[in-house]
Structures are given as structure tokens and as C-alpha cells.
């Protein structure tokens, strides 16, 4: 499985790293899980519906962040990624905290995967 990141995702990550210093390591753990199970896995992750795209876009709701002690997978961080099954590739689209933003940026998804 190969991993790629949108430029916007890199900006999201850089901004969040100032608050959550362990985020790079936490994302490495997420990548290891996605290598073996890249599809949706309710209640941890689910496919975003009503996009009318061929690309499978998945939202991960349960990300364990060590910088948020005592919160475990209920850290409030959200990860949006596109899964290309045939190419065995995952593209990270967006990363945000649920208190900063209510939903994923659908325009970003359309701009990059339409």
C-alpha cells in the first residue's frame, strides 16, 4: 500500500502539529492499520455518501492521539482519505479536529477527485 497526501492535507497537519505534538507518530499507527484494512470499518470509519464519485472516500472518526491524554480513540480528530483499491493507494485529503470544523470539506474532495 502506498500513501500520498494532498498539499492541503500537509497544511492541515502542520497546523495541528503545533497543538498535538504526537500526531506524526499517531498517523504512522493509522497507516499501519490502513495497510491491512483500508476499507471502512464502522464505527471507526465509514464511506462518505452522496459524493457521486467513483473514488471511495472514507472518513475516520476514531483516531487515537497520545497528545490528548486520557481520550484514547475519542480524541475528536477526523481523517478523510481516498482509497484506490486497484492501485493499492491511499491519498490523505483532510485532517481536522471536530471542535474546529463540523464536516469534511466536500469542495476539496471534488476539486481533487472529480
N, C-alpha and C. Protein backbone atom coordinates (compact mmCIF):
# COMPACT_ATOMS: atom_id res chain seq x y z
N UNK A 1 0.85 -1.18 0.00
CA UNK A 1 0.00 0.00 0.00
C UNK A 1 0.89 1.24 0.00
N UNK A 2 0.60 2.16 -0.90
CA UNK A 2 1.34 3.42 -0.93
C UNK A 2 0.45 4.53 -0.39
N UNK A 3 1.07 5.52 0.22
CA UNK A 3 0.36 6.64 0.81
C UNK A 3 0.82 7.94 0.17
N UNK A 4 -0.13 8.81 -0.08
CA UNK A 4 0.16 10.12 -0.63
C UNK A 4 -0.67 11.15 0.14
N UNK A 5 -0.31 12.41 0.01
CA UNK A 5 -1.01 13.47 0.73
C UNK A 5 -1.25 14.65 -0.20
N UNK A 6 -2.43 15.22 -0.12
CA UNK A 6 -2.70 16.47 -0.84
C UNK A 6 -1.93 17.60 -0.17
N UNK A 7 -1.64 18.64 -0.92
CA UNK A 7 -0.96 19.81 -0.38
C UNK A 7 -1.76 20.41 0.77
N UNK A 8 -3.08 20.44 0.61
CA UNK A 8 -3.94 20.98 1.67
C UNK A 8 -3.84 20.15 2.94
N UNK A 9 -3.72 18.82 2.78
CA UNK A 9 -3.58 17.94 3.94
C UNK A 9 -2.29 18.27 4.68
N UNK A 10 -1.23 18.51 3.95
CA UNK A 10 0.06 18.83 4.57
C UNK A 10 -0.06 20.12 5.41
N UNK A 11 -0.84 21.08 4.89
CA UNK A 11 -1.07 22.32 5.65
C UNK A 11 -1.88 22.04 6.91
N UNK A 12 -2.91 21.21 6.77
CA UNK A 12 -3.72 20.82 7.94
C UNK A 12 -2.84 20.19 9.01
N UNK A 13 -2.00 19.26 8.59
CA UNK A 13 -1.14 18.53 9.51
C UNK A 13 -0.16 19.48 10.20
N UNK A 14 0.45 20.35 9.44
CA UNK A 14 1.42 21.29 10.01
C UNK A 14 0.77 22.15 11.08
N UNK A 15 -0.45 22.62 10.81
CA UNK A 15 -1.18 23.45 11.77
C UNK A 15 -1.53 22.65 13.03
N UNK A 16 -1.99 21.42 12.87
CA UNK A 16 -2.38 20.60 14.01
C UNK A 16 -1.18 20.11 14.83
N UNK A 17 -0.03 19.97 14.18
CA UNK A 17 1.18 19.51 14.90
C UNK A 17 1.60 20.50 15.98
N UNK A 18 1.24 21.77 15.82
CA UNK A 18 1.58 22.76 16.84
C UNK A 18 0.83 22.48 18.13
N UNK A 19 -0.39 21.94 18.01
CA UNK A 19 -1.21 21.61 19.16
C UNK A 19 -0.98 20.19 19.67
N UNK A 20 -0.85 19.27 18.72
CA UNK A 20 -0.76 17.84 19.04
C UNK A 20 0.58 17.29 18.55
N UNK A 21 1.58 17.35 19.39
CA UNK A 21 2.96 17.02 19.00
C UNK A 21 3.16 15.57 18.60
N UNK A 22 2.30 14.66 19.05
CA UNK A 22 2.47 13.24 18.74
C UNK A 22 1.77 12.83 17.44
N UNK A 23 1.19 13.79 16.75
CA UNK A 23 0.34 13.48 15.60
C UNK A 23 1.05 12.70 14.49
N UNK A 24 2.30 13.02 14.19
CA UNK A 24 3.02 12.26 13.16
C UNK A 24 3.11 10.78 13.53
N UNK A 25 3.46 10.51 14.78
CA UNK A 25 3.54 9.11 15.24
C UNK A 25 2.16 8.46 15.24
N UNK A 26 1.15 9.21 15.63
CA UNK A 26 -0.21 8.68 15.65
C UNK A 26 -0.67 8.33 14.23
N UNK A 27 -0.31 9.15 13.26
CA UNK A 27 -0.66 8.88 11.87
C UNK A 27 0.09 7.66 11.33
N UNK A 28 1.30 7.42 11.82
CA UNK A 28 2.04 6.21 11.42
C UNK A 28 1.28 4.97 11.86
N UNK A 29 0.68 5.02 13.05
CA UNK A 29 -0.13 3.90 13.54
C UNK A 29 -1.35 3.71 12.65
N UNK A 30 -2.00 4.81 12.27
CA UNK A 30 -3.16 4.74 11.38
C UNK A 30 -2.75 4.12 10.04
N UNK A 31 -1.60 4.51 9.52
CA UNK A 31 -1.13 3.95 8.24
C UNK A 31 -0.93 2.45 8.33
N UNK A 32 -0.36 1.97 9.44
CA UNK A 32 -0.16 0.53 9.61
C UNK A 32 -1.49 -0.21 9.60
N UNK A 33 -2.49 0.37 10.23
CA UNK A 33 -3.83 -0.24 10.24
C UNK A 33 -4.42 -0.23 8.83
N UNK A 34 -4.27 0.89 8.13
CA UNK A 34 -4.84 1.00 6.79
C UNK A 34 -4.16 0.08 5.78
N UNK A 35 -2.91 -0.27 6.01
CA UNK A 35 -2.23 -1.21 5.11
C UNK A 35 -2.96 -2.55 5.08
N UNK A 36 -3.49 -2.97 6.21
CA UNK A 36 -4.16 -4.26 6.30
C UNK A 36 -5.67 -4.17 6.11
N UNK A 37 -6.23 -3.03 6.44
CA UNK A 37 -7.69 -2.86 6.38
C UNK A 37 -8.04 -1.45 5.92
N UNK A 38 -7.88 -1.19 4.61
CA UNK A 38 -8.10 0.17 4.11
C UNK A 38 -9.57 0.55 3.92
N UNK A 39 -10.47 -0.43 3.94
CA UNK A 39 -11.89 -0.15 3.74
C UNK A 39 -12.53 0.39 5.00
N UNK A 40 -13.76 0.82 4.86
CA UNK A 40 -14.49 1.35 6.01
C UNK A 40 -14.68 0.27 7.07
N UNK A 41 -14.64 0.70 8.33
CA UNK A 41 -14.80 -0.22 9.46
C UNK A 41 -15.65 0.45 10.53
N UNK A 42 -16.97 0.47 10.35
CA UNK A 42 -17.82 1.08 11.38
C UNK A 42 -17.56 0.44 12.73
N UNK A 43 -17.57 1.15 13.81
CA UNK A 43 -17.89 2.58 13.96
C UNK A 43 -16.66 3.48 13.86
N UNK A 44 -15.52 2.91 13.52
CA UNK A 44 -14.29 3.72 13.47
C UNK A 44 -14.20 4.57 12.21
N UNK A 45 -14.67 4.03 11.11
CA UNK A 45 -14.61 4.77 9.86
C UNK A 45 -15.79 4.37 8.98
N UNK A 46 -16.14 5.27 8.07
CA UNK A 46 -17.24 4.97 7.16
C UNK A 46 -17.07 5.72 5.86
N UNK A 47 -17.69 5.19 4.81
CA UNK A 47 -17.62 5.81 3.50
C UNK A 47 -18.52 7.04 3.48
N UNK A 48 -18.04 8.12 2.87
CA UNK A 48 -18.83 9.34 2.76
C UNK A 48 -19.76 9.18 1.56
N UNK A 49 -21.05 9.25 1.84
CA UNK A 49 -22.06 9.06 0.79
C UNK A 49 -22.39 10.36 0.09
N UNK A 50 -23.15 10.24 -0.99
CA UNK A 50 -23.68 11.37 -1.76
C UNK A 50 -22.61 12.25 -2.39
N UNK A 51 -21.49 11.66 -2.76
CA UNK A 51 -20.45 12.43 -3.44
C UNK A 51 -20.54 12.27 -4.95
N UNK A 52 -21.18 11.20 -5.42
CA UNK A 52 -21.28 10.89 -6.85
C UNK A 52 -19.91 10.81 -7.52
N UNK A 53 -18.97 10.19 -6.82
CA UNK A 53 -17.62 9.97 -7.36
C UNK A 53 -17.35 8.48 -7.43
N UNK A 54 -16.52 8.09 -8.37
CA UNK A 54 -16.10 6.69 -8.44
C UNK A 54 -15.10 6.37 -7.32
N UNK A 55 -14.37 7.36 -6.93
CA UNK A 55 -13.36 7.20 -5.88
C UNK A 55 -14.04 6.92 -4.54
N UNK A 56 -13.51 5.96 -3.80
CA UNK A 56 -14.02 5.64 -2.47
C UNK A 56 -13.38 6.60 -1.46
N UNK A 57 -14.19 7.47 -0.88
CA UNK A 57 -13.69 8.44 0.10
C UNK A 57 -14.21 8.03 1.47
N UNK A 58 -13.28 7.89 2.42
CA UNK A 58 -13.60 7.38 3.75
C UNK A 58 -13.23 8.39 4.82
N UNK A 59 -14.08 8.47 5.83
CA UNK A 59 -13.86 9.36 6.98
C UNK A 59 -13.56 8.49 8.20
N UNK A 60 -12.42 8.75 8.83
CA UNK A 60 -12.04 8.04 10.05
C UNK A 60 -12.41 8.94 11.23
N UNK A 61 -13.26 8.42 12.10
CA UNK A 61 -13.72 9.21 13.24
C UNK A 61 -12.96 8.89 14.52
N UNK A 62 -12.34 7.75 14.57
CA UNK A 62 -11.70 7.32 15.81
C UNK A 62 -10.19 7.22 15.60
N UNK A 63 -9.49 8.29 15.93
CA UNK A 63 -8.03 8.30 15.84
C UNK A 63 -7.47 8.52 17.24
N UNK A 64 -6.66 7.60 17.68
CA UNK A 64 -6.03 7.74 19.00
C UNK A 64 -4.88 8.73 18.87
N UNK A 65 -4.92 9.76 19.70
CA UNK A 65 -3.86 10.76 19.70
C UNK A 65 -3.27 10.81 21.10
N UNK A 66 -2.00 10.46 21.21
CA UNK A 66 -1.34 10.41 22.53
C UNK A 66 -1.22 11.79 23.17
N UNK A 67 -1.23 12.84 22.36
CA UNK A 67 -1.12 14.19 22.91
C UNK A 67 -2.38 14.58 23.69
N UNK A 68 -3.47 13.89 23.43
CA UNK A 68 -4.72 14.13 24.16
C UNK A 68 -4.88 13.01 25.18
N UNK A 69 -4.15 13.12 26.26
CA UNK A 69 -4.10 12.06 27.28
C UNK A 69 -5.47 11.76 27.84
N UNK A 70 -5.74 10.48 28.01
CA UNK A 70 -6.98 10.04 28.60
C UNK A 70 -8.16 10.02 27.65
N UNK A 71 -7.96 10.44 26.41
CA UNK A 71 -9.06 10.49 25.45
C UNK A 71 -9.10 9.24 24.56
N UNK A 72 -7.97 8.56 24.39
CA UNK A 72 -7.93 7.37 23.54
C UNK A 72 -8.39 7.67 22.13
N UNK A 73 -9.25 6.78 21.59
CA UNK A 73 -9.73 6.98 20.23
C UNK A 73 -10.80 8.06 20.15
N UNK A 74 -11.23 8.57 21.29
CA UNK A 74 -12.22 9.65 21.31
C UNK A 74 -11.54 11.01 21.30
N UNK A 75 -10.46 11.14 20.58
CA UNK A 75 -9.67 12.37 20.55
C UNK A 75 -10.39 13.51 19.85
N UNK A 76 -11.31 13.18 18.97
CA UNK A 76 -12.02 14.22 18.22
C UNK A 76 -11.37 14.54 16.90
N UNK A 77 -10.27 13.88 16.57
CA UNK A 77 -9.62 14.11 15.29
C UNK A 77 -10.33 13.33 14.19
N UNK A 78 -10.40 13.94 13.01
CA UNK A 78 -11.04 13.32 11.86
C UNK A 78 -10.03 13.27 10.71
N UNK A 79 -10.01 12.14 10.01
CA UNK A 79 -9.13 11.96 8.86
C UNK A 79 -9.99 11.56 7.67
N UNK A 80 -9.82 12.25 6.57
CA UNK A 80 -10.53 11.93 5.33
C UNK A 80 -9.49 11.45 4.33
N UNK A 81 -9.77 10.30 3.70
CA UNK A 81 -8.83 9.78 2.70
C UNK A 81 -9.57 9.12 1.55
N UNK A 82 -8.89 9.05 0.41
CA UNK A 82 -9.41 8.36 -0.76
C UNK A 82 -8.67 7.04 -0.90
N UNK A 83 -9.42 5.98 -1.15
CA UNK A 83 -8.83 4.65 -1.28
C UNK A 83 -8.98 4.18 -2.73
N UNK A 84 -7.84 3.91 -3.36
CA UNK A 84 -7.83 3.39 -4.72
C UNK A 84 -7.43 1.92 -4.64
N UNK A 85 -8.42 1.05 -4.69
CA UNK A 85 -8.20 -0.36 -4.43
C UNK A 85 -7.30 -1.02 -5.48
N UNK A 86 -7.54 -0.74 -6.76
CA UNK A 86 -6.75 -1.38 -7.82
C UNK A 86 -5.28 -0.98 -7.76
N UNK A 87 -5.03 0.29 -7.46
CA UNK A 87 -3.65 0.78 -7.39
C UNK A 87 -3.00 0.52 -6.04
N UNK A 88 -3.79 0.04 -5.08
CA UNK A 88 -3.32 -0.15 -3.70
C UNK A 88 -2.68 1.14 -3.20
N UNK A 89 -3.51 2.20 -3.25
CA UNK A 89 -3.02 3.53 -2.90
C UNK A 89 -4.05 4.24 -2.04
N UNK A 90 -3.56 5.01 -1.08
CA UNK A 90 -4.40 5.85 -0.24
C UNK A 90 -3.88 7.28 -0.32
N UNK A 91 -4.79 8.22 -0.53
CA UNK A 91 -4.43 9.63 -0.58
C UNK A 91 -5.12 10.33 0.59
N UNK A 92 -4.33 10.90 1.48
CA UNK A 92 -4.89 11.65 2.60
C UNK A 92 -5.39 13.00 2.08
N UNK A 93 -6.65 13.31 2.40
CA UNK A 93 -7.28 14.51 1.87
C UNK A 93 -7.35 15.62 2.91
N UNK A 94 -7.78 15.26 4.12
CA UNK A 94 -8.03 16.28 5.12
C UNK A 94 -7.87 15.72 6.52
N UNK A 95 -7.42 16.57 7.43
CA UNK A 95 -7.25 16.23 8.84
C UNK A 95 -7.71 17.44 9.65
N UNK A 96 -8.63 17.20 10.59
CA UNK A 96 -9.12 18.31 11.40
C UNK A 96 -9.65 17.80 12.73
N UNK A 97 -9.84 18.73 13.66
CA UNK A 97 -10.44 18.40 14.95
C UNK A 97 -11.91 18.77 14.87
N UNK A 98 -12.76 17.92 15.41
CA UNK A 98 -14.21 18.14 15.28
C UNK A 98 -14.68 19.44 15.95
N UNK A 99 -13.93 19.97 16.89
CA UNK A 99 -14.31 21.24 17.51
C UNK A 99 -13.99 22.43 16.61
N UNK A 100 -13.06 22.25 15.68
CA UNK A 100 -12.68 23.33 14.77
C UNK A 100 -13.56 23.39 13.53
N UNK A 101 -14.16 22.25 13.20
CA UNK A 101 -14.88 22.15 11.94
C UNK A 101 -15.93 21.06 12.08
N UNK A 102 -17.12 21.30 11.54
CA UNK A 102 -18.20 20.34 11.71
C UNK A 102 -18.09 19.15 10.76
N UNK A 103 -17.86 19.42 9.47
CA UNK A 103 -17.81 18.36 8.46
C UNK A 103 -16.61 18.51 7.55
N UNK A 104 -16.40 17.45 6.75
CA UNK A 104 -15.31 17.46 5.78
C UNK A 104 -15.55 18.52 4.72
N UNK A 105 -14.46 18.92 4.07
CA UNK A 105 -14.50 19.92 3.00
C UNK A 105 -14.82 19.20 1.69
N UNK A 106 -16.10 19.15 1.35
CA UNK A 106 -16.52 18.44 0.14
C UNK A 106 -15.96 19.09 -1.12
N UNK A 107 -15.79 20.40 -1.09
CA UNK A 107 -15.24 21.09 -2.26
C UNK A 107 -13.81 20.63 -2.52
N UNK A 108 -13.04 20.42 -1.47
CA UNK A 108 -11.67 19.91 -1.61
C UNK A 108 -11.69 18.54 -2.25
N UNK A 109 -12.63 17.71 -1.85
CA UNK A 109 -12.75 16.36 -2.42
C UNK A 109 -13.08 16.45 -3.90
N UNK A 110 -14.08 17.27 -4.26
CA UNK A 110 -14.47 17.42 -5.66
C UNK A 110 -13.35 17.99 -6.51
N UNK A 111 -12.62 18.98 -5.97
CA UNK A 111 -11.55 19.62 -6.72
C UNK A 111 -10.43 18.64 -7.07
N UNK A 112 -10.23 17.64 -6.23
CA UNK A 112 -9.10 16.73 -6.44
C UNK A 112 -9.47 15.37 -7.02
N UNK A 113 -10.73 15.00 -6.96
CA UNK A 113 -11.09 13.64 -7.39
C UNK A 113 -12.25 13.57 -8.36
N UNK A 114 -12.63 14.67 -8.95
CA UNK A 114 -13.74 14.66 -9.90
C UNK A 114 -13.29 14.24 -11.27
